[in-house]
């Protein structure tokens, strides 16, 4: 059974909406005369926390070489399947032919990317990093599919702990592997 509530009658002030209008004006003047909270974007930008996950990019090592070896782990682990890698090889006779392979093309569809960071976590070569870029603009869908060149432009250079390009280091590892040491 429904319960009927009696509504109390409005006072004269409530009928004129005066208390509500004055309350609204009070808030307006408080905000107008108070501390400024509006940021003039893009000239002013907010502070970004150190652990912010923004646009995924590829990075070079300190010598300007690409770190990615087309292992495709990032492609396999990406939940929305935003990453596509076309593996390539390093030509025979090249001074870096001892490196497994290099990507012929590497693309990230920024319209699909959910910025989860799994690609960065799984990369064994530390070749992919999430940068602090948070505003992406494009006038077409194709502009927001970043290819290898664009990813390296955004990524820049990071320190390297892997030394995969150094033939001397690779030769030492092969010698150790040949002796059965791991």
C-alpha atoms as a PDB file:
ATOM      1  CA  UNK A   1       0.000   0.000   0.000  1.00  0.00           C
ATOM      2  CA  UNK A   2       1.388   3.395  -0.975  1.00  0.00           C
ATOM      3  CA  UNK A   3       2.043   5.971   1.698  1.00  0.00           C
ATOM      4  CA  UNK A   4       0.873   9.480   0.859  1.00  0.00           C
ATOM      5  CA  UNK A   5       3.002  12.332   2.223  1.00  0.00           C
ATOM      6  CA  UNK A   6       1.606  15.749   2.780  1.00  0.00           C
ATOM      7  CA  UNK A   7       3.642  18.496   1.127  1.00  0.00           C
ATOM      8  CA  UNK A   8       4.010  21.638   3.245  1.00  0.00           C
ATOM      9  CA  UNK A   9       3.002  24.852   1.487  1.00  0.00           C
ATOM     10  CA  UNK A  10       5.738  27.166   0.117  1.00  0.00           C
ATOM     11  CA  UNK A  11       6.491  30.427   1.866  1.00  0.00           C
ATOM     12  CA  UNK A  12       6.320  33.766  -0.013  1.00  0.00           C
ATOM     13  CA  UNK A  13      10.164  33.886  -0.362  1.00  0.00           C
ATOM     14  CA  UNK A  14      10.236  30.338  -1.726  1.00  0.00           C
ATOM     15  CA  UNK A  15       7.508  31.172  -4.232  1.00  0.00           C
ATOM     16  CA  UNK A  16       9.642  34.031  -5.612  1.00  0.00           C
ATOM     17  CA  UNK A  17      12.758  31.754  -5.833  1.00  0.00           C
ATOM     18  CA  UNK A  18      14.717  34.539  -4.085  1.00  0.00           C
ATOM     19  CA  UNK A  19      16.672  32.271  -1.682  1.00  0.00           C
ATOM     20  CA  UNK A  20      17.797  30.051  -4.585  1.00  0.00           C
ATOM     21  CA  UNK A  21      18.816  33.009  -6.772  1.00  0.00           C
ATOM     22  CA  UNK A  22      20.775  34.617  -3.901  1.00  0.00           C
ATOM     23  CA  UNK A  23      22.444  31.284  -3.117  1.00  0.00           C
ATOM     24  CA  UNK A  24      23.518  30.946  -6.761  1.00  0.00           C
ATOM     25  CA  UNK A  25      24.853  34.522  -6.879  1.00  0.00           C
ATOM     26  CA  UNK A  26      26.819  33.883  -3.665  1.00  0.00           C
ATOM     27  CA  UNK A  27      28.574  30.897  -5.278  1.00  0.00           C
ATOM     28  CA  UNK A  28      29.213  32.872  -8.490  1.00  0.00           C
ATOM     29  CA  UNK A  29      30.815  35.830  -6.670  1.00  0.00           C
ATOM     30  CA  UNK A  30      32.870  33.491  -4.466  1.00  0.00           C
ATOM     31  CA  UNK A  31      34.314  31.821  -7.576  1.00  0.00           C
ATOM     32  CA  UNK A  32      34.798  35.101  -9.442  1.00  0.00           C
ATOM     33  CA  UNK A  33      36.677  36.816  -6.634  1.00  0.00           C
ATOM     34  CA  UNK A  34      38.434  33.765  -5.197  1.00  0.00           C
ATOM     35  CA  UNK A  35      41.601  31.934  -6.207  1.00  0.00           C
ATOM     36  CA  UNK A  36      41.991  31.230  -9.943  1.00  0.00           C
ATOM     37  CA  UNK A  37      41.544  27.542 -10.766  1.00  0.00           C
ATOM     38  CA  UNK A  38      41.314  27.682 -14.564  1.00  0.00           C
ATOM     39  CA  UNK A  39      44.406  26.685 -16.529  1.00  0.00           C
ATOM     40  CA  UNK A  40      45.145  28.370 -19.865  1.00  0.00           C
ATOM     41  CA  UNK A  41      45.647  25.142 -21.819  1.00  0.00           C
ATOM     42  CA  UNK A  42      47.826  24.505 -23.889  1.00  0.00           C
ATOM     43  CA  UNK A  43      50.128  27.309 -22.660  1.00  0.00           C
ATOM     44  CA  UNK A  44      49.799  26.053 -19.069  1.00  0.00           C
ATOM     45  CA  UNK A  45      49.901  22.343 -18.447  1.00  0.00           C
ATOM     46  CA  UNK A  46      49.241  20.385 -15.272  1.00  0.00           C
ATOM     47  CA  UNK A  47      52.019  18.577 -13.406  1.00  0.00           C
ATOM     48  CA  UNK A  48      52.143  14.972 -14.511  1.00  0.00           C
ATOM     49  CA  UNK A  49      52.916  12.248 -11.936  1.00  0.00           C
ATOM     50  CA  UNK A  50      56.061  10.145 -12.497  1.00  0.00           C
ATOM     51  CA  UNK A  51      54.035   6.944 -12.941  1.00  0.00           C
ATOM     52  CA  UNK A  52      51.685   8.450 -15.567  1.00  0.00           C
ATOM     53  CA  UNK A  53      50.933   6.125 -18.479  1.00  0.00           C
ATOM     54  CA  UNK A  54      50.582   8.078 -21.720  1.00  0.00           C
ATOM     55  CA  UNK A  55      51.362   7.334 -25.345  1.00  0.00           C
ATOM     56  CA  UNK A  56      53.412   4.157 -25.976  1.00  0.00           C
ATOM     57  CA  UNK A  57      56.527   4.869 -28.078  1.00  0.00           C
ATOM     58  CA  UNK A  58      59.675   3.160 -29.291  1.00  0.00           C
ATOM     59  CA  UNK A  59      63.065   4.328 -28.042  1.00  0.00           C
ATOM     60  CA  UNK A  60      66.645   4.291 -29.333  1.00  0.00           C
ATOM     61  CA  UNK A  61      69.675   3.249 -27.299  1.00  0.00           C
ATOM     62  CA  UNK A  62      72.312   5.880 -26.376  1.00  0.00           C
ATOM     63  CA  UNK A  63      74.107   5.257 -29.714  1.00  0.00           C
ATOM     64  CA  UNK A  64      70.970   6.004 -31.748  1.00  0.00           C
ATOM     65  CA  UNK A  65      70.229   2.386 -32.683  1.00  0.00           C
ATOM     66  CA  UNK A  66      66.762   0.888 -32.393  1.00  0.00           C
ATOM     67  CA  UNK A  67      66.255  -1.403 -29.421  1.00  0.00           C
ATOM     68  CA  UNK A  68      63.289  -3.390 -30.780  1.00  0.00           C
ATOM     69  CA  UNK A  69      64.156  -6.877 -32.052  1.00  0.00           C
ATOM     70  CA  UNK A  70      60.666  -7.807 -33.328  1.00  0.00           C
ATOM     71  CA  UNK A  71      60.074 -10.429 -30.654  1.00  0.00           C
ATOM     72  CA  UNK A  72      56.363  -9.536 -30.909  1.00  0.00           C
ATOM     73  CA  UNK A  73      55.681 -10.045 -27.195  1.00  0.00           C
ATOM     74  CA  UNK A  74      54.053  -6.607 -26.984  1.00  0.00           C
ATOM     75  CA  UNK A  75      51.803  -7.499 -29.913  1.00  0.00           C
ATOM     76  CA  UNK A  76      50.721 -10.775 -28.285  1.00  0.00           C
ATOM     77  CA  UNK A  77      50.072  -9.257 -24.839  1.00  0.00           C
ATOM     78  CA  UNK A  78      48.166  -6.145 -26.054  1.00  0.00           C
ATOM     79  CA  UNK A  79      44.533  -6.578 -24.861  1.00  0.00           C
ATOM     80  CA  UNK A  80      42.871  -4.459 -27.597  1.00  0.00           C
ATOM     81  CA  UNK A  81      45.293  -5.706 -30.299  1.00  0.00           C
ATOM     82  CA  UNK A  82      46.458  -2.149 -31.033  1.00  0.00           C
ATOM     83  CA  UNK A  83      50.044  -3.183 -31.920  1.00  0.00           C
ATOM     84  CA  UNK A  84      51.096  -4.742 -35.228  1.00  0.00           C
ATOM     85  CA  UNK A  85      54.700  -5.665 -35.955  1.00  0.00           C
ATOM     86  CA  UNK A  86      56.082  -6.701 -39.335  1.00  0.00           C
ATOM     87  CA  UNK A  87      59.353  -8.481 -38.517  1.00  0.00           C
ATOM     88  CA  UNK A  88      62.349  -7.725 -40.664  1.00  0.00           C
ATOM     89  CA  UNK A  89      65.895  -9.011 -40.734  1.00  0.00           C
ATOM     90  CA  UNK A  90      69.294  -7.421 -40.567  1.00  0.00           C
ATOM     91  CA  UNK A  91      71.119  -8.057 -43.868  1.00  0.00           C
ATOM     92  CA  UNK A  92      74.078 -10.458 -43.935  1.00  0.00           C
ATOM     93  CA  UNK A  93      77.397  -8.665 -43.957  1.00  0.00           C
ATOM     94  CA  UNK A  94      76.038  -5.808 -41.838  1.00  0.00           C
ATOM     95  CA  UNK A  95      78.155  -5.080 -38.771  1.00  0.00           C
ATOM     96  CA  UNK A  96      75.088  -5.751 -36.623  1.00  0.00           C
ATOM     97  CA  UNK A  97      73.987  -9.045 -38.198  1.00  0.00           C
ATOM     98  CA  UNK A  98      74.486 -10.817 -34.844  1.00  0.00           C
ATOM     99  CA  UNK A  99      71.331  -9.069 -33.558  1.00  0.00           C
ATOM    100  CA  UNK A 100      68.333 -11.371 -34.068  1.00  0.00           C
ATOM    101  CA  UNK A 101      66.141  -9.114 -36.171  1.00  0.00           C
ATOM    102  CA  UNK A 102      64.686  -5.640 -36.389  1.00  0.00           C
ATOM    103  CA  UNK A 103      61.134  -4.544 -37.158  1.00  0.00           C
ATOM    104  CA  UNK A 104      60.413  -3.767 -40.793  1.00  0.00           C
ATOM    105  CA  UNK A 105      57.311  -1.909 -39.593  1.00  0.00           C
ATOM    106  CA  UNK A 106      55.879  -1.300 -36.139  1.00  0.00           C
ATOM    107  CA  UNK A 107      52.479   0.323 -35.807  1.00  0.00           C
ATOM    108  CA  UNK A 108      50.326   1.267 -32.826  1.00  0.00           C
ATOM    109  CA  UNK A 109      46.720   2.228 -33.421  1.00  0.00           C
ATOM    110  CA  UNK A 110      46.198   4.999 -30.851  1.00  0.00           C
ATOM    111  CA  UNK A 111      42.424   4.794 -31.348  1.00  0.00           C
ATOM    112  CA  UNK A 112      42.518   1.257 -29.946  1.00  0.00           C
ATOM    113  CA  UNK A 113      45.256   1.678 -27.319  1.00  0.00           C
ATOM    114  CA  UNK A 114      43.950   1.639 -23.733  1.00  0.00           C
ATOM    115  CA  UNK A 115      47.250   2.830 -22.185  1.00  0.00           C
ATOM    116  CA  UNK A 116      47.452  -0.232 -19.936  1.00  0.00           C
ATOM    117  CA  UNK A 117      51.267  -0.406 -20.051  1.00  0.00           C
ATOM    118  CA  UNK A 118      51.427  -4.164 -20.617  1.00  0.00           C
ATOM    119  CA  UNK A 119      53.553  -3.662 -23.755  1.00  0.00           C
ATOM    120  CA  UNK A 120      56.172  -1.792 -21.713  1.00  0.00           C
ATOM    121  CA  UNK A 121      56.162  -4.392 -18.936  1.00  0.00           C
ATOM    122  CA  UNK A 122      56.628  -7.366 -21.250  1.00  0.00           C
ATOM    123  CA  UNK A 123      59.358  -5.911 -23.514  1.00  0.00           C
ATOM    124  CA  UNK A 124      62.626  -7.789 -22.830  1.00  0.00           C
ATOM    125  CA  UNK A 125      64.720  -5.160 -24.647  1.00  0.00           C
ATOM    126  CA  UNK A 126      63.153  -2.124 -22.930  1.00  0.00           C
ATOM    127  CA  UNK A 127      62.340  -0.790 -26.389  1.00  0.00           C
ATOM    128  CA  UNK A 128      58.816   0.459 -25.710  1.00  0.00           C
ATOM    129  CA  UNK A 129      57.947   3.106 -23.122  1.00  0.00           C
ATOM    130  CA  UNK A 130      54.807   4.979 -22.174  1.00  0.00           C
ATOM    131  CA  UNK A 131      55.586   8.690 -22.394  1.00  0.00           C
ATOM    132  CA  UNK A 132      53.907  11.591 -20.623  1.00  0.00           C
ATOM    133  CA  UNK A 133      52.162  12.763 -23.806  1.00  0.00           C
ATOM    134  CA  UNK A 134      48.435  12.904 -23.111  1.00  0.00           C
ATOM    135  CA  UNK A 135      46.926  15.049 -25.840  1.00  0.00           C
ATOM    136  CA  UNK A 136      46.707  13.425 -29.247  1.00  0.00           C
ATOM    137  CA  UNK A 137      45.003  15.218 -32.097  1.00  0.00           C
ATOM    138  CA  UNK A 138      44.240  13.988 -35.554  1.00  0.00           C
ATOM    139  CA  UNK A 139      41.908  14.914 -38.368  1.00  0.00           C
ATOM    140  CA  UNK A 140      41.568  11.348 -39.643  1.00  0.00           C
ATOM    141  CA  UNK A 141      41.820   7.804 -38.333  1.00  0.00           C
ATOM    142  CA  UNK A 142      44.970   7.196 -40.387  1.00  0.00           C
ATOM    143  CA  UNK A 143      46.802  10.020 -38.578  1.00  0.00           C
ATOM    144  CA  UNK A 144      46.323   8.224 -35.263  1.00  0.00           C
ATOM    145  CA  UNK A 145      47.912   4.994 -36.442  1.00  0.00           C
ATOM    146  CA  UNK A 146      51.541   5.636 -35.542  1.00  0.00           C
ATOM    147  CA  UNK A 147      54.181   3.840 -37.599  1.00  0.00           C
ATOM    148  CA  UNK A 148      57.798   3.091 -36.692  1.00  0.00           C
ATOM    149  CA  UNK A 149      59.200   6.487 -37.705  1.00  0.00           C
ATOM    150  CA  UNK A 150      56.612   8.449 -35.698  1.00  0.00           C
ATOM    151  CA  UNK A 151      57.007   6.137 -32.677  1.00  0.00           C
ATOM    152  CA  UNK A 152      60.783   6.732 -32.634  1.00  0.00           C
ATOM    153  CA  UNK A 153      60.291  10.510 -32.991  1.00  0.00           C
ATOM    154  CA  UNK A 154      58.013  10.527 -29.949  1.00  0.00           C
ATOM    155  CA  UNK A 155      60.177   8.095 -27.957  1.00  0.00           C
ATOM    156  CA  UNK A 156      63.624   9.604 -28.210  1.00  0.00           C
ATOM    157  CA  UNK A 157      66.641   7.957 -26.545  1.00  0.00           C
ATOM    158  CA  UNK A 158      66.863   5.954 -23.313  1.00  0.00           C
ATOM    159  CA  UNK A 159      69.808   4.364 -21.493  1.00  0.00           C
ATOM    160  CA  UNK A 160      70.487   0.756 -22.461  1.00  0.00           C
ATOM    161  CA  UNK A 161      71.529  -2.117 -20.209  1.00  0.00           C
ATOM    162  CA  UNK A 162      71.412  -4.846 -22.873  1.00  0.00           C
ATOM    163  CA  UNK A 163      74.443  -4.198 -25.128  1.00  0.00           C
ATOM    164  CA  UNK A 164      72.952  -6.359 -27.876  1.00  0.00           C
ATOM    165  CA  UNK A 165      74.678  -4.333 -30.573  1.00  0.00           C
ATOM    166  CA  UNK A 166      78.183  -4.952 -29.230  1.00  0.00           C
ATOM    167  CA  UNK A 167      79.835  -7.826 -31.107  1.00  0.00           C
ATOM    168  CA  UNK A 168      82.385  -8.298 -28.308  1.00  0.00           C
ATOM    169  CA  UNK A 169      79.638  -8.853 -25.728  1.00  0.00           C
ATOM    170  CA  UNK A 170      77.820 -11.267 -28.082  1.00  0.00           C
ATOM    171  CA  UNK A 171      81.043 -13.229 -28.690  1.00  0.00           C
ATOM    172  CA  UNK A 172      81.649 -13.526 -24.937  1.00  0.00           C
ATOM    173  CA  UNK A 173      78.127 -14.817 -24.384  1.00  0.00           C
ATOM    174  CA  UNK A 174      78.524 -17.380 -27.167  1.00  0.00           C
ATOM    175  CA  UNK A 175      81.817 -18.551 -25.641  1.00  0.00           C
ATOM    176  CA  UNK A 176      80.173 -18.944 -22.246  1.00  0.00           C
ATOM    177  CA  UNK A 177      77.211 -20.780 -23.787  1.00  0.00           C
ATOM    178  CA  UNK A 178      79.609 -23.102 -25.647  1.00  0.00           C
ATOM    179  CA  UNK A 179      81.329 -24.029 -22.364  1.00  0.00           C
ATOM    180  CA  UNK A 180      77.977 -24.912 -20.784  1.00  0.00           C
ATOM    181  CA  UNK A 181      77.943 -21.961 -18.385  1.00  0.00           C
ATOM    182  CA  UNK A 182      74.715 -20.042 -17.835  1.00  0.00           C
END
